PDB file of N, CA and C in Angstrom:
ATOM      1  N   MET A   1      89.434  57.115  35.044  1.00  0.00           N
ATOM      2  CA  MET A   1      90.651  57.067  36.011  1.00  0.00           C
ATOM      3  C   MET A   1      91.403  58.414  35.632  1.00  0.00           C
ATOM      4  N   ASP A   2      91.585  59.404  36.564  1.00  0.00           N
ATOM      5  CA  ASP A   2      92.587  60.342  36.112  1.00  0.00           C
ATOM      6  C   ASP A   2      94.037  60.060  36.000  1.00  0.00           C
ATOM      7  N   THR A   3      94.716  60.834  35.163  1.00  0.00           N
ATOM      8  CA  THR A   3      96.142  60.789  35.232  1.00  0.00           C
ATOM      9  C   THR A   3      96.937  60.517  36.421  1.00  0.00           C
ATOM     10  N   TYR A   4      96.429  61.343  37.235  1.00  0.00           N
ATOM     11  CA  TYR A   4      97.262  61.339  38.688  1.00  0.00           C
ATOM     12  C   TYR A   4      96.927  60.101  39.345  1.00  0.00           C
ATOM     13  N   THR A   5      95.837  59.483  39.378  1.00  0.00           N
ATOM     14  CA  THR A   5      95.568  58.152  39.974  1.00  0.00           C
ATOM     15  C   THR A   5      96.234  57.001  39.155  1.00  0.00           C
ATOM     16  N   ALA A   6      96.389  57.163  38.028  1.00  0.00           N
ATOM     17  CA  ALA A   6      96.951  56.064  37.204  1.00  0.00           C
ATOM     18  C   ALA A   6      98.436  56.308  37.244  1.00  0.00           C
ATOM     19  N   SER A   7      99.005  57.211  37.520  1.00  0.00           N
ATOM     20  CA  SER A   7     100.470  57.323  37.746  1.00  0.00           C
ATOM     21  C   SER A   7     100.673  56.791  39.008  1.00  0.00           C
ATOM     22  N   ALA A   8      99.948  57.110  40.189  1.00  0.00           N
ATOM     23  CA  ALA A   8     100.199  56.659  41.446  1.00  0.00           C
ATOM     24  C   ALA A   8     100.284  55.175  41.431  1.00  0.00           C
ATOM     25  N   LEU A   9      99.177  54.575  40.664  1.00  0.00           N
ATOM     26  CA  LEU A   9      98.994  52.996  40.560  1.00  0.00           C
ATOM     27  C   LEU A   9     100.151  52.443  39.972  1.00  0.00           C
ATOM     28  N   LYS A  10     100.942  53.056  39.069  1.00  0.00           N
ATOM     29  CA  LYS A  10     101.879  52.684  38.147  1.00  0.00           C
ATOM     30  C   LYS A  10     103.080  52.783  38.958  1.00  0.00           C
ATOM     31  N   LEU A  11     103.245  53.918  39.982  1.00  0.00           N
ATOM     32  CA  LEU A  11     104.448  54.113  40.939  1.00  0.00           C
ATOM     33  C   LEU A  11     104.370  52.631  41.807  1.00  0.00           C
ATOM     34  N   GLN A  12     103.123  52.348  42.341  1.00  0.00           N
ATOM     35  CA  GLN A  12     103.133  51.230  43.187  1.00  0.00           C
ATOM     36  C   GLN A  12     103.511  49.986  42.651  1.00  0.00           C
ATOM     37  N   LYS A  13     103.108  49.890  41.400  1.00  0.00           N
ATOM     38  CA  LYS A  13     103.493  48.561  40.849  1.00  0.00           C
ATOM     39  C   LYS A  13     104.977  48.600  40.465  1.00  0.00           C
ATOM     40  N   THR A  14     105.556  49.669  40.100  1.00  0.00           N
ATOM     41  CA  THR A  14     106.941  49.974  39.845  1.00  0.00           C
ATOM     42  C   THR A  14     107.848  49.474  41.142  1.00  0.00           C
ATOM     43  N   LEU A  15     107.300  49.993  42.340  1.00  0.00           N
ATOM     44  CA  LEU A  15     107.857  49.652  43.484  1.00  0.00           C
ATOM     45  C   LEU A  15     107.809  48.030  43.927  1.00  0.00           C
ATOM     46  N   LEU A  16     106.647  47.477  43.651  1.00  0.00           N
ATOM     47  CA  LEU A  16     106.373  46.214  43.879  1.00  0.00           C
ATOM     48  C   LEU A  16     107.399  45.259  42.928  1.00  0.00           C
ATOM     49  N   THR A  17     107.465  45.721  41.731  1.00  0.00           N
ATOM     50  CA  THR A  17     108.548  45.114  41.113  1.00  0.00           C
ATOM     51  C   THR A  17     109.985  45.148  41.448  1.00  0.00           C
ATOM     52  N   LEU A  18     110.341  46.422  42.029  1.00  0.00           N
ATOM     53  CA  LEU A  18     111.643  46.605  42.491  1.00  0.00           C
ATOM     54  C   LEU A  18     111.941  45.868  43.765  1.00  0.00           C
ATOM     55  N   ARG A  19     111.021  45.684  44.589  1.00  0.00           N
ATOM     56  CA  ARG A  19     111.043  44.655  45.704  1.00  0.00           C
ATOM     57  C   ARG A  19     111.171  43.372  45.297  1.00  0.00           C
ATOM     58  N   GLN A  20     110.400  43.006  44.362  1.00  0.00           N
ATOM     59  CA  GLN A  20     110.654  41.400  44.074  1.00  0.00           C
ATOM     60  C   GLN A  20     112.029  41.340  43.374  1.00  0.00           C
ATOM     61  N   THR A  21     112.475  42.162  42.544  1.00  0.00           N
ATOM     62  CA  THR A  21     113.841  42.126  41.945  1.00  0.00           C
ATOM     63  C   THR A  21     114.871  42.152  43.050  1.00  0.00           C
ATOM     64  N   ARG A  22     114.717  42.899  44.132  1.00  0.00           N
ATOM     65  CA  ARG A  22     115.747  42.781  45.298  1.00  0.00           C
ATOM     66  C   ARG A  22     115.961  41.623  45.917  1.00  0.00           C
ATOM     67  N   ASP A  23     114.507  40.988  46.155  1.00  0.00           N
ATOM     68  CA  ASP A  23     114.351  39.622  46.816  1.00  0.00           C
ATOM     69  C   ASP A  23     115.040  38.522  45.908  1.00  0.00           C
ATOM     70  N   ARG A  24     114.832  38.731  44.605  1.00  0.00           N
ATOM     71  CA  ARG A  24     115.603  37.574  43.582  1.00  0.00           C
ATOM     72  C   ARG A  24     117.018  37.760  43.880  1.00  0.00           C
ATOM     73  N   LEU A  25     117.536  39.006  43.674  1.00  0.00           N
ATOM     74  CA  LEU A  25     118.910  39.270  43.822  1.00  0.00           C
ATOM     75  C   LEU A  25     119.632  38.562  45.008  1.00  0.00           C
ATOM     76  N   ARG A  26     119.006  38.963  46.170  1.00  0.00           N
ATOM     77  CA  ARG A  26     119.258  38.386  47.405  1.00  0.00           C
ATOM     78  C   ARG A  26     119.440  36.737  47.444  1.00  0.00           C
ATOM     79  N   ALA A  27     118.216  36.377  46.946  1.00  0.00           N
ATOM     80  CA  ALA A  27     118.024  34.839  46.700  1.00  0.00           C
ATOM     81  C   ALA A  27     119.048  34.183  45.904  1.00  0.00           C
ATOM     82  N   ALA A  28     119.688  35.006  44.977  1.00  0.00           N
ATOM     83  CA  ALA A  28     120.615  34.497  44.011  1.00  0.00           C
ATOM     84  C   ALA A  28     122.064  34.725  44.476  1.00  0.00           C
ATOM     85  N   GLY A  29     122.175  35.278  45.752  1.00  0.00           N
ATOM     86  CA  GLY A  29     123.575  35.523  46.274  1.00  0.00           C
ATOM     87  C   GLY A  29     124.303  36.808  46.020  1.00  0.00           C
ATOM     88  N   ASN A  30     123.479  37.857  45.275  1.00  0.00           N
ATOM     89  CA  ASN A  30     123.880  39.132  44.853  1.00  0.00           C
ATOM     90  C   ASN A  30     123.534  40.162  46.100  1.00  0.00           C
ATOM     91  N   VAL A  31     124.025  39.797  47.180  1.00  0.00           N
ATOM     92  CA  VAL A  31     123.592  40.678  48.195  1.00  0.00           C
ATOM     93  C   VAL A  31     124.027  42.010  48.277  1.00  0.00           C
ATOM     94  N   GLU A  32     125.348  42.511  47.640  1.00  0.00           N
ATOM     95  CA  GLU A  32     125.536  43.817  47.374  1.00  0.00           C
ATOM     96  C   GLU A  32     124.521  44.529  46.703  1.00  0.00           C
ATOM     97  N   GLU A  33     124.378  44.033  45.549  1.00  0.00           N
ATOM     98  CA  GLU A  33     123.412  44.531  44.539  1.00  0.00           C
ATOM     99  C   GLU A  33     121.886  44.752  45.171  1.00  0.00           C
ATOM    100  N   ALA A  34     121.791  43.649  45.824  1.00  0.00           N
ATOM    101  CA  ALA A  34     120.259  43.775  46.582  1.00  0.00           C
ATOM    102  C   ALA A  34     120.311  44.865  47.520  1.00  0.00           C
ATOM    103  N   ASP A  35     121.455  44.982  48.302  1.00  0.00           N
ATOM    104  CA  ASP A  35     121.473  46.034  49.318  1.00  0.00           C
ATOM    105  C   ASP A  35     121.333  47.574  48.688  1.00  0.00           C
ATOM    106  N   GLU A  36     122.079  47.778  47.531  1.00  0.00           N
ATOM    107  CA  GLU A  36     121.924  48.934  46.830  1.00  0.00           C
ATOM    108  C   GLU A  36     120.700  49.256  46.334  1.00  0.00           C
ATOM    109  N   LEU A  37     120.098  48.191  45.813  1.00  0.00           N
ATOM    110  CA  LEU A  37     118.674  48.395  45.407  1.00  0.00           C
ATOM    111  C   LEU A  37     117.758  48.760  46.471  1.00  0.00           C
ATOM    112  N   ALA A  38     117.697  48.100  47.551  1.00  0.00           N
ATOM    113  CA  ALA A  38     117.016  48.244  48.852  1.00  0.00           C
ATOM    114  C   ALA A  38     117.190  49.892  49.376  1.00  0.00           C
ATOM    115  N   LEU A  39     118.330  50.473  49.239  1.00  0.00           N
ATOM    116  CA  LEU A  39     118.537  51.702  49.528  1.00  0.00           C
ATOM    117  C   LEU A  39     117.774  52.584  48.713  1.00  0.00           C
ATOM    118  N   LYS A  40     117.849  52.375  47.359  1.00  0.00           N
ATOM    119  CA  LYS A  40     117.048  53.159  46.595  1.00  0.00           C
ATOM    120  C   LYS A  40     115.649  53.114  46.829  1.00  0.00           C
ATOM    121  N   ILE A  41     115.019  52.051  46.950  1.00  0.00           N
ATOM    122  CA  ILE A  41     113.868  51.817  47.251  1.00  0.00           C
ATOM    123  C   ILE A  41     113.327  52.609  48.638  1.00  0.00           C
ATOM    124  N   ALA A  42     114.063  52.577  49.651  1.00  0.00           N
ATOM    125  CA  ALA A  42     113.858  52.977  50.719  1.00  0.00           C
ATOM    126  C   ALA A  42     113.795  54.632  50.461  1.00  0.00           C
ATOM    127  N   ARG A  43     114.688  55.145  49.554  1.00  0.00           N
ATOM    128  CA  ARG A  43     114.673  56.536  49.666  1.00  0.00           C
ATOM    129  C   ARG A  43     113.093  56.956  48.792  1.00  0.00           C
ATOM    130  N   VAL A  44     112.888  56.108  47.894  1.00  0.00           N
ATOM    131  CA  VAL A  44     111.580  56.473  47.240  1.00  0.00           C
ATOM    132  C   VAL A  44     110.535  56.329  48.243  1.00  0.00           C
ATOM    133  N   GLU A  45     110.557  55.366  48.990  1.00  0.00           N
ATOM    134  CA  GLU A  45     109.505  55.172  50.213  1.00  0.00           C
ATOM    135  C   GLU A  45     109.458  56.457  51.185  1.00  0.00           C
ATOM    136  N   GLU A  46     110.786  57.029  51.659  1.00  0.00           N
ATOM    137  CA  GLU A  46     110.868  57.869  52.539  1.00  0.00           C
ATOM    138  C   GLU A  46     110.118  59.258  51.723  1.00  0.00           C
ATOM    139  N   THR A  47     110.621  59.535  50.416  1.00  0.00           N
ATOM    140  CA  THR A  47     110.049  60.777  49.708  1.00  0.00           C
ATOM    141  C   THR A  47     108.457  60.621  49.679  1.00  0.00           C
ATOM    142  N   LEU A  48     107.868  59.499  49.361  1.00  0.00           N
ATOM    143  CA  LEU A  48     106.466  59.434  49.382  1.00  0.00           C
ATOM    144  C   LEU A  48     105.905  59.641  50.865  1.00  0.00           C
ATOM    145  N   ALA A  49     106.549  59.124  51.840  1.00  0.00           N
ATOM    146  CA  ALA A  49     106.001  59.194  53.230  1.00  0.00           C
ATOM    147  C   ALA A  49     106.195  60.988  53.649  1.00  0.00           C
ATOM    148  N   ALA A  50     107.035  61.582  52.916  1.00  0.00           N
ATOM    149  CA  ALA A  50     107.339  62.981  53.578  1.00  0.00           C
ATOM    150  C   ALA A  50     106.233  63.857  52.870  1.00  0.00           C
ATOM    151  N   MET A  51     105.822  63.286  51.787  1.00  0.00           N
ATOM    152  CA  MET A  51     104.789  64.157  51.008  1.00  0.00           C
ATOM    153  C   MET A  51     103.586  64.534  51.973  1.00  0.00           C
ATOM    154  N   SER A  52     103.280  65.769  51.443  1.00  0.00           N
ATOM    155  CA  SER A  52     101.846  66.382  52.102  1.00  0.00           C
ATOM    156  C   SER A  52     100.702  65.594  51.977  1.00  0.00           C
ATOM    157  N   PRO A  53      99.967  65.265  52.872  1.00  0.00           N
ATOM    158  CA  PRO A  53      98.471  64.465  52.387  1.00  0.00           C
ATOM    159  C   PRO A  53      97.731  64.939  51.211  1.00  0.00           C
ATOM    160  N   ALA A  54      97.791  66.316  51.141  1.00  0.00           N
ATOM    161  CA  ALA A  54      97.014  66.842  49.977  1.00  0.00           C
ATOM    162  C   ALA A  54      97.696  66.493  48.667  1.00  0.00           C
ATOM    163  N   LEU A  55      99.106  66.251  48.787  1.00  0.00           N
ATOM    164  CA  LEU A  55      99.723  65.762  47.296  1.00  0.00           C
ATOM    165  C   LEU A  55      99.537  64.286  47.043  1.00  0.00           C
ATOM    166  N   ARG A  56      99.338  63.497  48.149  1.00  0.00           N
ATOM    167  CA  ARG A  56      99.611  62.128  48.161  1.00  0.00           C
ATOM    168  C   ARG A  56      98.246  61.408  47.357  1.00  0.00           C
ATOM    169  N   SER A  57      98.285  60.534  46.413  1.00  0.00           N
ATOM    170  CA  SER A  57      97.220  60.013  46.087  1.00  0.00           C
ATOM    171  C   SER A  57      96.713  58.865  46.992  1.00  0.00           C
ATOM    172  N   PRO A  58      95.499  58.656  47.125  1.00  0.00           N
ATOM    173  CA  PRO A  58      94.949  57.727  48.094  1.00  0.00           C
ATOM    174  C   PRO A  58      95.410  56.316  47.883  1.00  0.00           C
ATOM    175  N   THR A  59      95.635  56.062  46.487  1.00  0.00           N
ATOM    176  CA  THR A  59      96.341  54.777  46.038  1.00  0.00           C
ATOM    177  C   THR A  59      97.641  54.514  46.570  1.00  0.00           C
ATOM    178  N   LEU A  60      98.445  55.367  46.881  1.00  0.00           N
ATOM    179  CA  LEU A  60      99.697  55.142  47.398  1.00  0.00           C
ATOM    180  C   LEU A  60      99.874  54.759  48.867  1.00  0.00           C
ATOM    181  N   GLN A  61     100.474  53.567  49.123  1.00  0.00           N
ATOM    182  CA  GLN A  61     100.534  53.004  50.392  1.00  0.00           C
ATOM    183  C   GLN A  61     102.043  53.368  50.984  1.00  0.00           C
TER     184      GLN A  61
END
């Protein structure tokens, strides 16, 4: 596996972990903190969506 694909997979795992953390925060009643994290996640996802297809790894969803 090349470094590019490995990095993309790690990014996917990190985003999943952030989403799980956001959901745990919300369930624990930390709504403001969960909302802040949700905004950060959305920014990362927007950046990935805006990338040229030539630059995106096929592992990024």
